Amino acid sequence: MGTGSSADENVAACNHVVVPVSLVFTSDTHVPKRARDLPHALWAAIDAADVVVHAGDWVDVALLDRFEERSRRLVAVYGNNDHGPFRQRLPEIARVDIEGIRFAVIHETGDAKGREQRCAARFPDADVLVFGHSHIPWDSTAPSGLRLLNPGSPTDRRRQPHGTFVTAVAADGELRDVVFHAVAPRQ
């Protein structure tokens, strides 16, 4: 063929290309109790993401159905306000490997005091723990290296200045470009 390379060599070269995976993290959506729907910015992020992670407190099964329809891949757990069908369809703890990053997802981790050490002991095989419940955005790292992320709530900001969700990129074993997005208060 004149180029000196075979199809097998071209395929092998492609195996070394790192393709980043876009992620959206959310929790404590509480639809329809705290809002009739999610903010447009969060739906847009969900539509664009490769993987969506929800750390519980959905409240309405119709919202879970919509996430399943719109997400390319959904990793989700139930929260303390999710009963019945949620507990039949979702686990209490989800574990997934994405681009070499070991994620664990749970709704509640307990009191903020001592959280890093407590979670590192409970999830020694995870690189990133995504959690919810408090509605307070959180990004910290335990001495063990476990990263703890709470995306806050996009619909019920409680004492926070605004609702939030998180986007990030997983690539080559590293979580990058972690951004907490503020959402406008509901009208």
Protein backbone atom coordinates (compact mmCIF):
# COMPACT_ATOMS: atom_id res chain seq x y z
CA MET A 1 0.00 0.00 0.00
CA GLY A 2 2.96 2.28 -0.04
CA THR A 3 2.66 3.87 3.45
CA GLY A 4 4.59 1.21 5.30
CA SER A 5 1.96 0.95 8.07
CA SER A 6 -0.66 -1.67 8.55
CA ALA A 7 -4.21 -1.31 9.80
CA ASP A 8 -3.15 -3.11 12.99
CA GLU A 9 -0.48 -0.46 13.70
CA ASN A 10 -3.06 2.32 13.23
CA VAL A 11 -5.45 0.63 15.65
CA ALA A 12 -2.67 0.13 18.19
CA ALA A 13 -1.79 3.82 17.97
CA CYS A 14 -5.41 4.71 18.74
CA ASN A 15 -5.33 2.63 21.92
CA HIS A 16 -3.03 5.20 23.54
CA VAL A 17 -5.31 8.18 23.00
CA VAL A 18 -6.84 9.47 26.24
CA VAL A 19 -10.50 10.30 25.79
CA PRO A 20 -11.74 12.40 28.71
CA VAL A 21 -15.10 11.52 30.26
CA SER A 22 -17.32 14.45 31.21
CA LEU A 23 -19.12 14.13 34.54
CA VAL A 24 -21.99 15.87 36.32
CA PHE A 25 -22.49 15.46 40.07
CA THR A 26 -25.75 16.42 41.76
CA SER A 27 -27.68 15.54 44.89
CA ASP A 28 -30.65 16.56 46.98
CA THR A 29 -32.81 17.57 44.05
CA HIS A 30 -36.03 17.23 46.11
CA VAL A 31 -38.31 17.62 43.07
CA PRO A 32 -41.20 18.51 43.31
CA LYS A 33 -41.07 19.46 47.00
CA ARG A 34 -38.39 22.17 46.74
CA ALA A 35 -38.79 23.01 43.05
CA ARG A 36 -41.10 22.01 40.22
CA ASP A 37 -38.10 21.11 38.06
CA LEU A 38 -34.32 21.28 37.95
CA PRO A 39 -32.60 24.46 36.78
CA HIS A 40 -32.07 24.65 33.02
CA ALA A 41 -28.27 24.83 33.48
CA LEU A 42 -28.26 21.46 35.26
CA TRP A 43 -30.44 19.79 32.59
CA ALA A 44 -28.11 21.17 29.92
CA ALA A 45 -25.09 19.76 31.77
CA ILE A 46 -26.83 16.38 32.15
CA ASP A 47 -27.63 16.28 28.43
CA ALA A 48 -23.98 17.01 27.57
CA ALA A 49 -22.30 14.70 30.10
CA ASP A 50 -20.95 11.22 29.51
CA VAL A 51 -21.75 10.19 33.11
CA VAL A 52 -24.22 11.67 35.60
CA VAL A 53 -23.85 10.93 39.32
CA HIS A 54 -26.76 11.58 41.72
CA ALA A 55 -26.15 11.17 45.45
CA GLY A 56 -29.76 10.74 46.55
CA ASP A 57 -32.85 12.55 47.82
CA TRP A 58 -34.75 12.54 44.56
CA VAL A 59 -38.19 12.47 46.28
CA ASP A 60 -40.20 11.75 43.09
CA VAL A 61 -39.68 8.63 40.96
CA ALA A 62 -40.65 10.61 37.85
CA LEU A 63 -37.40 12.57 38.25
CA LEU A 64 -35.37 9.35 38.38
CA ASP A 65 -37.14 8.23 35.19
CA ARG A 66 -36.21 11.52 33.49
CA PHE A 67 -32.56 11.17 34.56
CA GLU A 68 -32.48 7.63 33.15
CA GLU A 69 -33.95 8.86 29.86
CA ARG A 70 -31.61 11.84 29.48
CA SER A 71 -28.34 10.48 30.88
CA ARG A 72 -25.91 8.53 28.72
CA ARG A 73 -24.86 6.73 31.90
CA LEU A 74 -26.37 7.24 35.35
CA VAL A 75 -24.72 6.28 38.64
CA ALA A 76 -27.15 6.89 41.49
CA VAL A 77 -28.14 6.02 45.04
CA TYR A 78 -31.19 6.58 47.20
CA GLY A 79 -31.28 9.13 50.02
CA ASN A 80 -33.04 9.30 53.37
CA ASN A 81 -36.12 10.89 51.72
CA ASP A 82 -36.34 8.19 49.03
CA HIS A 83 -38.51 5.21 49.84
CA GLY A 84 -40.40 2.40 48.10
CA PRO A 85 -39.46 2.19 44.43
CA PHE A 86 -36.20 4.11 44.96
CA ARG A 87 -34.92 1.44 47.30
CA GLN A 88 -35.96 -1.25 44.83
CA ARG A 89 -34.22 0.45 41.88
CA LEU A 90 -31.18 2.09 43.48
CA PRO A 91 -28.49 0.96 45.93
CA GLU A 92 -27.53 2.67 49.17
CA ILE A 93 -23.92 2.76 47.96
CA ALA A 94 -22.79 2.72 44.34
CA ARG A 95 -19.24 1.97 43.19
CA VAL A 96 -17.93 2.56 39.70
CA ASP A 97 -14.58 2.88 37.96
CA ILE A 98 -14.42 5.71 35.42
CA GLU A 99 -11.19 6.22 33.49
CA GLY A 100 -9.17 4.55 36.24
CA ILE A 101 -10.78 6.55 39.07
CA ARG A 102 -12.59 4.50 41.70
CA PHE A 103 -15.76 6.34 42.72
CA ALA A 104 -18.06 5.55 45.63
CA VAL A 105 -21.43 7.30 45.96
CA ILE A 106 -23.53 7.49 49.13
CA HIS A 107 -26.13 9.93 50.37
CA GLU A 108 -25.14 10.54 53.96
CA THR A 109 -21.71 10.57 55.63
CA GLY A 110 -22.61 11.93 59.06
CA ASP A 111 -21.29 14.98 60.88
CA ALA A 112 -18.76 17.25 59.15
CA LYS A 113 -16.37 16.90 62.11
CA GLY A 114 -14.08 13.97 61.41
CA ARG A 115 -15.69 13.28 58.02
CA GLU A 116 -12.43 12.78 56.10
CA GLN A 117 -11.00 10.19 58.50
CA ARG A 118 -14.34 8.41 58.95
CA CYS A 119 -14.96 8.16 55.19
CA ALA A 120 -11.37 7.13 54.43
CA ALA A 121 -11.79 4.23 56.87
CA ARG A 122 -15.18 3.26 55.41
CA PHE A 123 -14.13 3.59 51.73
CA PRO A 124 -10.45 2.52 51.62
CA ASP A 125 -10.82 1.26 48.05
CA ALA A 126 -12.20 4.55 46.62
CA ASP A 127 -10.38 7.52 45.12
CA VAL A 128 -13.41 9.85 45.17
CA LEU A 129 -16.45 9.74 47.44
CA VAL A 130 -19.51 11.64 46.19
CA PHE A 131 -22.11 12.35 48.86
CA GLY A 132 -25.05 14.61 49.62
CA HIS A 133 -27.55 15.16 52.45
CA SER A 134 -26.25 18.42 53.94
CA HIS A 135 -26.94 20.56 50.83
CA ILE A 136 -23.55 22.17 51.56
CA PRO A 137 -20.99 22.13 48.73
CA TRP A 138 -17.86 20.30 49.89
CA ASP A 139 -14.51 19.46 48.31
CA SER A 140 -11.80 18.11 50.58
CA THR A 141 -9.16 15.42 50.63
CA ALA A 142 -8.54 13.00 53.48
CA PRO A 143 -4.94 12.32 54.58
CA SER A 144 -5.31 8.93 52.85
CA GLY A 145 -5.87 10.72 49.52
CA LEU A 146 -9.63 10.07 49.34
CA ARG A 147 -11.32 13.08 47.75
CA LEU A 148 -14.75 13.95 49.16
CA LEU A 149 -17.21 15.84 46.95
CA ASN A 150 -20.67 17.07 47.87
CA PRO A 151 -22.27 18.94 44.95
CA GLY A 152 -24.74 20.69 47.26
CA SER A 153 -28.32 21.01 46.08
CA PRO A 154 -29.50 22.69 42.88
CA THR A 155 -32.99 23.30 44.28
CA ASP A 156 -32.73 23.75 48.07
CA ARG A 157 -29.81 25.97 49.00
CA ARG A 158 -30.72 26.13 52.70
CA ARG A 159 -28.17 28.51 54.27
CA GLN A 160 -25.96 28.63 51.17
CA PRO A 161 -25.89 31.73 48.94
CA HIS A 162 -27.17 29.72 45.95
CA GLY A 163 -27.94 26.22 44.75
CA THR A 164 -25.10 24.24 43.18
CA PHE A 165 -24.06 21.25 41.09
CA VAL A 166 -20.62 20.11 39.92
CA THR A 167 -19.03 19.29 36.58
CA ALA A 168 -15.67 17.58 36.12
CA VAL A 169 -13.60 15.55 33.70
CA ALA A 170 -12.12 12.10 34.31
CA ALA A 171 -9.08 11.29 32.20
CA ASP A 172 -6.17 8.92 32.57
CA GLY A 173 -6.86 8.18 36.23
CA GLU A 174 -7.25 11.80 37.28
CA LEU A 175 -10.29 13.93 38.18
CA ARG A 176 -9.78 17.35 36.57
CA ASP A 177 -11.58 20.61 36.01
CA VAL A 178 -13.86 20.25 39.05
CA VAL A 179 -16.23 23.23 38.94
CA PHE A 180 -19.03 24.09 41.36
CA HIS A 181 -21.77 25.82 39.37
CA ALA A 182 -24.10 28.29 41.06
CA VAL A 183 -27.69 28.13 39.89
CA ALA A 184 -30.13 31.00 39.96
CA PRO A 185 -32.71 30.91 42.72
CA ARG A 186 -36.05 29.55 41.59
CA GLN A 187 -38.65 32.07 40.66
